[in-house]
Amino acid sequence: MANLILYELPGCPYCAKVVNKLEELGLEYESRKVPGSRSDRTDVKKVSGQFGVPVLIDKDHGIDGMPESDDIVAHLEANYAN
């Protein structure tokens, strides 16, 4: 299992921003696609307390459900950029 897990929705520009940063940094991650209907995103709600995506889990840094693309990108930069 990957240490980085990203809950994402295809076509979501905020999710794409995070995916681009993960790819730019050459990081392997597990992608978990979520349903289009917010109310059906029970897995996202369990890990982050809300229904929005993207949400990142980073087991190496104790992140159990970080929402908000800008926060995720800043976290990735701070912890994974060379």
N, C-alpha and C. Protein backbone atom coordinates (compact mmCIF):
# COMPACT_ATOMS: atom_id res chain seq x y z
N MET A 1 0.84 -1.19 0.00
CA MET A 1 0.00 0.00 0.00
C MET A 1 0.88 1.25 0.00
N ALA A 2 0.45 2.24 -0.74
CA ALA A 2 1.22 3.48 -0.86
C ALA A 2 1.16 4.28 0.44
N ASN A 3 2.22 5.03 0.69
CA ASN A 3 2.25 5.91 1.87
C ASN A 3 1.51 7.22 1.61
N LEU A 4 1.33 7.56 0.33
CA LEU A 4 0.54 8.73 -0.06
C LEU A 4 -0.73 8.24 -0.74
N ILE A 5 -1.86 8.70 -0.26
CA ILE A 5 -3.16 8.36 -0.85
C ILE A 5 -3.89 9.66 -1.14
N LEU A 6 -4.39 9.78 -2.36
CA LEU A 6 -5.12 10.98 -2.76
C LEU A 6 -6.55 10.62 -3.15
N TYR A 7 -7.50 11.20 -2.43
CA TYR A 7 -8.91 11.10 -2.83
C TYR A 7 -9.15 12.21 -3.83
N GLU A 8 -9.64 11.81 -5.01
CA GLU A 8 -9.80 12.80 -6.07
C GLU A 8 -11.02 12.51 -6.93
N LEU A 9 -11.43 13.51 -7.67
CA LEU A 9 -12.55 13.42 -8.59
C LEU A 9 -12.04 13.77 -9.98
N PRO A 10 -12.21 12.88 -10.96
CA PRO A 10 -11.78 13.21 -12.32
C PRO A 10 -12.43 14.50 -12.81
N GLY A 11 -11.62 15.36 -13.42
CA GLY A 11 -12.12 16.62 -13.94
C GLY A 11 -12.09 17.76 -12.93
N CYS A 12 -11.72 17.48 -11.70
CA CYS A 12 -11.65 18.51 -10.66
C CYS A 12 -10.34 19.28 -10.81
N PRO A 13 -10.39 20.61 -11.03
CA PRO A 13 -9.16 21.37 -11.22
C PRO A 13 -8.29 21.43 -9.96
N TYR A 14 -8.90 21.38 -8.80
CA TYR A 14 -8.13 21.39 -7.55
C TYR A 14 -7.38 20.07 -7.36
N CYS A 15 -8.04 18.99 -7.74
CA CYS A 15 -7.39 17.68 -7.69
C CYS A 15 -6.24 17.62 -8.69
N ALA A 16 -6.47 18.17 -9.88
CA ALA A 16 -5.43 18.18 -10.91
C ALA A 16 -4.20 18.95 -10.44
N LYS A 17 -4.41 20.02 -9.71
CA LYS A 17 -3.30 20.80 -9.16
C LYS A 17 -2.41 19.94 -8.27
N VAL A 18 -3.05 19.12 -7.42
CA VAL A 18 -2.31 18.24 -6.51
C VAL A 18 -1.63 17.12 -7.29
N VAL A 19 -2.33 16.53 -8.25
CA VAL A 19 -1.75 15.46 -9.07
C VAL A 19 -0.53 15.98 -9.82
N ASN A 20 -0.63 17.18 -10.36
CA ASN A 20 0.51 17.78 -11.07
C ASN A 20 1.72 17.93 -10.15
N LYS A 21 1.49 18.34 -8.91
CA LYS A 21 2.59 18.51 -7.95
C LYS A 21 3.18 17.14 -7.59
N LEU A 22 2.34 16.15 -7.37
CA LEU A 22 2.84 14.80 -7.08
C LEU A 22 3.72 14.29 -8.22
N GLU A 23 3.26 14.48 -9.45
CA GLU A 23 4.02 14.04 -10.62
C GLU A 23 5.30 14.85 -10.78
N GLU A 24 5.23 16.16 -10.57
CA GLU A 24 6.40 17.02 -10.66
C GLU A 24 7.50 16.58 -9.69
N LEU A 25 7.08 16.16 -8.50
CA LEU A 25 8.03 15.71 -7.48
C LEU A 25 8.41 14.24 -7.63
N GLY A 26 7.81 13.56 -8.60
CA GLY A 26 8.12 12.16 -8.85
C GLY A 26 7.67 11.23 -7.73
N LEU A 27 6.56 11.57 -7.10
CA LEU A 27 6.08 10.80 -5.96
C LEU A 27 5.06 9.74 -6.39
N GLU A 28 5.21 8.55 -5.86
CA GLU A 28 4.23 7.50 -6.08
C GLU A 28 3.10 7.69 -5.08
N TYR A 29 1.88 7.47 -5.54
CA TYR A 29 0.72 7.62 -4.67
C TYR A 29 -0.40 6.72 -5.15
N GLU A 30 -1.31 6.45 -4.26
CA GLU A 30 -2.50 5.68 -4.60
C GLU A 30 -3.63 6.67 -4.84
N SER A 31 -4.27 6.56 -5.99
CA SER A 31 -5.39 7.42 -6.33
C SER A 31 -6.69 6.70 -5.97
N ARG A 32 -7.52 7.37 -5.22
CA ARG A 32 -8.85 6.84 -4.90
C ARG A 32 -9.89 7.79 -5.49
N LYS A 33 -10.50 7.34 -6.57
CA LYS A 33 -11.53 8.14 -7.24
C LYS A 33 -12.79 8.13 -6.40
N VAL A 34 -13.42 9.28 -6.28
CA VAL A 34 -14.63 9.42 -5.47
C VAL A 34 -15.83 9.65 -6.38
N PRO A 35 -17.03 9.35 -5.88
CA PRO A 35 -18.24 9.60 -6.67
C PRO A 35 -18.47 11.09 -6.90
N GLY A 36 -19.16 11.40 -7.97
CA GLY A 36 -19.49 12.79 -8.27
C GLY A 36 -20.42 13.42 -7.25
N SER A 37 -21.31 12.62 -6.70
CA SER A 37 -22.26 13.13 -5.70
C SER A 37 -21.56 13.27 -4.35
N ARG A 38 -21.56 14.48 -3.83
CA ARG A 38 -20.89 14.74 -2.55
C ARG A 38 -21.42 13.85 -1.43
N SER A 39 -22.71 13.62 -1.41
CA SER A 39 -23.30 12.83 -0.32
C SER A 39 -22.88 11.36 -0.37
N ASP A 40 -22.36 10.91 -1.50
CA ASP A 40 -21.89 9.52 -1.63
C ASP A 40 -20.41 9.36 -1.26
N ARG A 41 -19.76 10.43 -0.86
CA ARG A 41 -18.32 10.38 -0.55
C ARG A 41 -18.09 10.08 0.94
N THR A 42 -18.64 8.97 1.39
CA THR A 42 -18.54 8.63 2.81
C THR A 42 -17.10 8.33 3.21
N ASP A 43 -16.30 7.76 2.31
CA ASP A 43 -14.89 7.49 2.65
C ASP A 43 -14.13 8.79 2.89
N VAL A 44 -14.39 9.79 2.07
CA VAL A 44 -13.74 11.10 2.23
C VAL A 44 -14.16 11.72 3.56
N LYS A 45 -15.44 11.64 3.86
CA LYS A 45 -15.97 12.21 5.11
C LYS A 45 -15.30 11.55 6.32
N LYS A 46 -15.08 10.23 6.25
CA LYS A 46 -14.46 9.51 7.36
C LYS A 46 -13.04 9.99 7.63
N VAL A 47 -12.27 10.25 6.58
CA VAL A 47 -10.86 10.61 6.78
C VAL A 47 -10.63 12.10 6.99
N SER A 48 -11.53 12.94 6.47
CA SER A 48 -11.27 14.39 6.54
C SER A 48 -12.33 15.20 7.28
N GLY A 49 -13.47 14.60 7.55
CA GLY A 49 -14.54 15.33 8.22
C GLY A 49 -15.38 16.18 7.29
N GLN A 50 -15.13 16.09 5.99
CA GLN A 50 -15.90 16.86 5.01
C GLN A 50 -16.00 16.05 3.72
N PHE A 51 -16.80 16.52 2.78
CA PHE A 51 -17.06 15.77 1.55
C PHE A 51 -16.22 16.24 0.36
N GLY A 52 -15.55 17.38 0.48
CA GLY A 52 -14.80 17.95 -0.65
C GLY A 52 -13.52 17.20 -0.94
N VAL A 53 -13.06 17.33 -2.16
CA VAL A 53 -11.78 16.77 -2.59
C VAL A 53 -10.97 17.89 -3.24
N PRO A 54 -9.67 17.79 -3.28
CA PRO A 54 -8.84 16.64 -2.94
C PRO A 54 -8.63 16.51 -1.43
N VAL A 55 -8.28 15.29 -1.02
CA VAL A 55 -7.89 14.99 0.35
C VAL A 55 -6.67 14.07 0.27
N LEU A 56 -5.65 14.41 1.05
CA LEU A 56 -4.41 13.63 1.06
C LEU A 56 -4.23 12.93 2.39
N ILE A 57 -3.78 11.67 2.29
CA ILE A 57 -3.29 10.93 3.45
C ILE A 57 -1.80 10.73 3.21
N ASP A 58 -0.99 11.08 4.18
CA ASP A 58 0.46 10.92 4.11
C ASP A 58 0.90 10.18 5.37
N LYS A 59 1.02 8.87 5.24
CA LYS A 59 1.34 8.03 6.40
C LYS A 59 2.72 8.34 6.97
N ASP A 60 3.66 8.74 6.14
CA ASP A 60 5.02 9.04 6.61
C ASP A 60 5.07 10.27 7.51
N HIS A 61 4.10 11.17 7.36
CA HIS A 61 4.11 12.42 8.12
C HIS A 61 2.89 12.57 9.04
N GLY A 62 2.18 11.47 9.28
CA GLY A 62 1.06 11.50 10.21
C GLY A 62 -0.14 12.30 9.76
N ILE A 63 -0.31 12.45 8.46
CA ILE A 63 -1.45 13.18 7.91
C ILE A 63 -2.56 12.17 7.59
N ASP A 64 -3.67 12.29 8.30
CA ASP A 64 -4.75 11.32 8.16
C ASP A 64 -5.89 11.79 7.26
N GLY A 65 -5.83 13.00 6.75
CA GLY A 65 -6.88 13.49 5.88
C GLY A 65 -6.81 14.98 5.69
N MET A 66 -5.80 15.44 4.93
CA MET A 66 -5.60 16.88 4.71
C MET A 66 -6.42 17.34 3.50
N PRO A 67 -7.36 18.28 3.71
CA PRO A 67 -8.10 18.85 2.58
C PRO A 67 -7.40 20.10 2.05
N GLU A 68 -7.97 20.67 1.02
CA GLU A 68 -7.53 21.94 0.42
C GLU A 68 -6.26 21.79 -0.42
N SER A 69 -6.41 22.00 -1.71
CA SER A 69 -5.30 21.80 -2.65
C SER A 69 -4.08 22.66 -2.32
N ASP A 70 -4.27 23.91 -1.94
CA ASP A 70 -3.12 24.77 -1.62
C ASP A 70 -2.35 24.24 -0.42
N ASP A 71 -3.06 23.76 0.59
CA ASP A 71 -2.41 23.19 1.77
C ASP A 71 -1.66 21.90 1.42
N ILE A 72 -2.28 21.09 0.57
CA ILE A 72 -1.64 19.83 0.17
C ILE A 72 -0.37 20.11 -0.62
N VAL A 73 -0.44 21.03 -1.58
CA VAL A 73 0.73 21.37 -2.40
C VAL A 73 1.85 21.93 -1.50
N ALA A 74 1.50 22.78 -0.56
CA ALA A 74 2.51 23.34 0.35
C ALA A 74 3.14 22.23 1.19
N HIS A 75 2.35 21.28 1.65
CA HIS A 75 2.86 20.15 2.42
C HIS A 75 3.82 19.32 1.58
N LEU A 76 3.44 19.03 0.35
CA LEU A 76 4.29 18.23 -0.53
C LEU A 76 5.62 18.95 -0.81
N GLU A 77 5.54 20.24 -1.08
CA GLU A 77 6.76 21.03 -1.31
C GLU A 77 7.67 21.01 -0.09
N ALA A 78 7.09 21.24 1.07
CA ALA A 78 7.88 21.33 2.30
C ALA A 78 8.52 20.01 2.69
N ASN A 79 7.87 18.90 2.37
CA ASN A 79 8.34 17.61 2.85
C ASN A 79 8.97 16.71 1.80
N TYR A 80 8.77 17.02 0.51
CA TYR A 80 9.26 16.11 -0.53
C TYR A 80 10.12 16.76 -1.60
N ALA A 81 10.13 18.08 -1.68
CA ALA A 81 10.97 18.74 -2.69
C ALA A 81 12.44 18.64 -2.28
N ASN A 82 13.29 18.48 -3.25
CA ASN A 82 14.74 18.35 -2.96
C ASN A 82 15.36 19.68 -2.64
